[in-house]
Amino acid sequence: MTCNDYLAQHTVSLAQAVRHFLAREIPYQQLEDLSWQLLSHWQDLPHIPADKQPATDQEGVFWYLLHSLHQWDEQQIIADVWLRLQLMACANYLTTEGPCPHHCMGSRP
C-alpha cells in the first residue's frame, strides 16, 4: 500500500466519523479509536514517505483533521464553536462538500 492508497482508503471514513461525532451520532470513543487505528495503519505502511510535507491539499487537510483529534479532547471539541466549525469545514472538504480550508494544513506524522 502506498501513501496515495492509504489516503484513498481512509480519507472519507475519517471525515464521515468527524461529521457523525459533531452531529452527536457516534460517541467520542468511537472517533478516538478510529484516529488511533488510522495512525497505526500509517505506521504499518511498507514505505512511509520521509518528506513530512503533504503532496496535496487533500492530504494536508486529512493530516490536520487527524492531528486535531489528538490535540483537542472531547469537551474542548464540544464546547468550542470555532473549533467545531473548523473540523466540519475539513470534513466537508474531504467529502467534496465544501471548499478547501487552506488554513487547515497538517503534515505527515
Protein backbone atom coordinates (compact mmCIF):
# COMPACT_ATOMS: atom_id res chain seq x y z
CA MET A 1 0.00 0.00 0.00
CA THR A 2 1.31 3.45 -0.91
CA CYS A 3 0.67 6.80 0.71
CA ASN A 4 -1.90 7.57 -2.00
CA ASP A 5 -3.62 4.22 -1.41
CA TYR A 6 -3.73 4.92 2.32
CA LEU A 7 -5.36 8.30 1.77
CA ALA A 8 -7.83 6.93 -0.77
CA GLN A 9 -8.84 4.22 1.67
CA HIS A 10 -9.15 6.32 4.85
CA THR A 11 -9.98 9.94 3.97
CA VAL A 12 -13.75 9.57 3.62
CA SER A 13 -14.10 7.33 6.69
CA LEU A 14 -12.25 9.88 8.85
CA ALA A 15 -14.33 12.76 7.51
CA GLN A 16 -17.59 10.90 7.99
CA ALA A 17 -16.68 9.89 11.54
CA VAL A 18 -15.89 13.51 12.43
CA ARG A 19 -19.18 14.66 10.94
CA HIS A 20 -21.10 11.96 12.82
CA PHE A 21 -19.40 12.90 16.09
CA LEU A 22 -20.09 16.60 15.61
CA ALA A 23 -23.75 15.73 14.97
CA ARG A 24 -23.68 13.62 18.17
CA GLU A 25 -24.45 10.46 16.21
CA ILE A 26 -21.45 8.49 17.49
CA PRO A 27 -19.61 8.63 20.82
CA TYR A 28 -16.24 10.31 21.12
CA GLN A 29 -14.62 6.97 22.00
CA GLN A 30 -15.50 5.62 18.55
CA LEU A 31 -13.89 8.64 16.89
CA GLU A 32 -10.83 8.37 19.10
CA ASP A 33 -10.48 4.65 18.35
CA LEU A 34 -10.64 5.35 14.62
CA SER A 35 -7.97 8.05 14.87
CA TRP A 36 -5.58 5.67 16.66
CA GLN A 37 -6.32 2.93 14.13
CA LEU A 38 -5.52 5.30 11.28
CA LEU A 39 -2.19 6.23 12.83
CA SER A 40 -1.42 2.56 13.38
CA HIS A 41 -2.24 1.75 9.75
CA TRP A 42 0.06 4.59 8.65
CA GLN A 43 2.92 3.13 10.70
CA ASP A 44 2.29 -0.25 9.05
CA LEU A 45 2.90 1.08 5.53
CA PRO A 46 5.87 -0.67 3.93
CA HIS A 47 7.33 2.68 2.85
CA ILE A 48 6.48 5.79 4.86
CA PRO A 49 7.47 8.92 2.94
CA ALA A 50 10.41 10.69 4.55
CA ASP A 51 9.03 14.04 3.42
CA LYS A 52 6.64 15.35 6.07
CA GLN A 53 5.00 17.80 3.66
CA PRO A 54 1.69 16.64 2.23
CA ALA A 55 1.61 16.13 -1.52
CA THR A 56 -1.86 17.67 -1.99
CA ASP A 57 -4.30 19.98 -0.22
CA GLN A 58 -6.49 16.96 0.47
CA GLU A 59 -3.64 15.17 2.23
CA GLY A 60 -2.80 18.31 4.22
CA VAL A 61 -6.40 18.67 5.42
CA PHE A 62 -6.54 14.94 6.25
CA TRP A 63 -3.48 15.18 8.49
CA TYR A 64 -4.69 18.42 10.06
CA LEU A 65 -8.01 16.80 10.92
CA LEU A 66 -6.39 13.66 12.30
CA HIS A 67 -3.86 15.62 14.38
CA SER A 68 -6.64 17.86 15.71
CA LEU A 69 -8.39 14.85 17.19
CA HIS A 70 -5.27 14.18 19.26
CA GLN A 71 -4.69 17.81 20.16
CA TRP A 72 -8.18 18.58 21.49
CA ASP A 73 -10.18 16.48 23.92
CA GLU A 74 -13.87 15.69 23.73
CA GLN A 75 -15.03 18.57 25.92
CA GLN A 76 -12.96 21.11 24.00
CA ILE A 77 -14.39 19.92 20.69
CA ILE A 78 -17.93 20.01 22.04
CA ALA A 79 -17.63 23.41 23.70
CA ASP A 80 -15.55 25.39 21.19
CA VAL A 81 -17.79 26.60 18.37
CA TRP A 82 -14.87 27.87 16.28
CA LEU A 83 -13.09 24.51 16.57
CA ARG A 84 -16.27 22.62 15.65
CA LEU A 85 -16.73 24.80 12.56
CA GLN A 86 -13.11 24.27 11.57
CA LEU A 87 -13.35 20.49 11.95
CA MET A 88 -16.62 20.45 10.00
CA ALA A 89 -15.04 22.53 7.20
CA CYS A 90 -12.21 19.98 6.98
CA ALA A 91 -14.62 17.03 6.96
CA ASN A 92 -16.80 18.69 4.32
CA TYR A 93 -13.82 19.35 2.08
CA LEU A 94 -12.61 15.76 2.38
CA THR A 95 -16.02 14.51 1.28
CA THR A 96 -16.07 17.06 -1.57
CA GLU A 97 -18.89 19.01 0.00
CA GLY A 98 -17.06 22.24 0.66
CA PRO A 99 -14.12 24.45 -0.29
CA CYS A 100 -10.61 23.76 0.85
CA PRO A 101 -9.89 25.29 4.28
CA HIS A 102 -6.37 26.41 3.33
CA HIS A 103 -5.66 27.47 6.93
CA CYS A 104 -6.04 23.81 7.99
CA MET A 105 -2.94 22.10 6.61
CA GLY A 106 -1.18 19.43 8.60
CA SER A 107 2.00 17.49 7.96
CA ARG A 108 2.61 13.77 7.84
CA PRO A 109 3.47 12.09 11.12
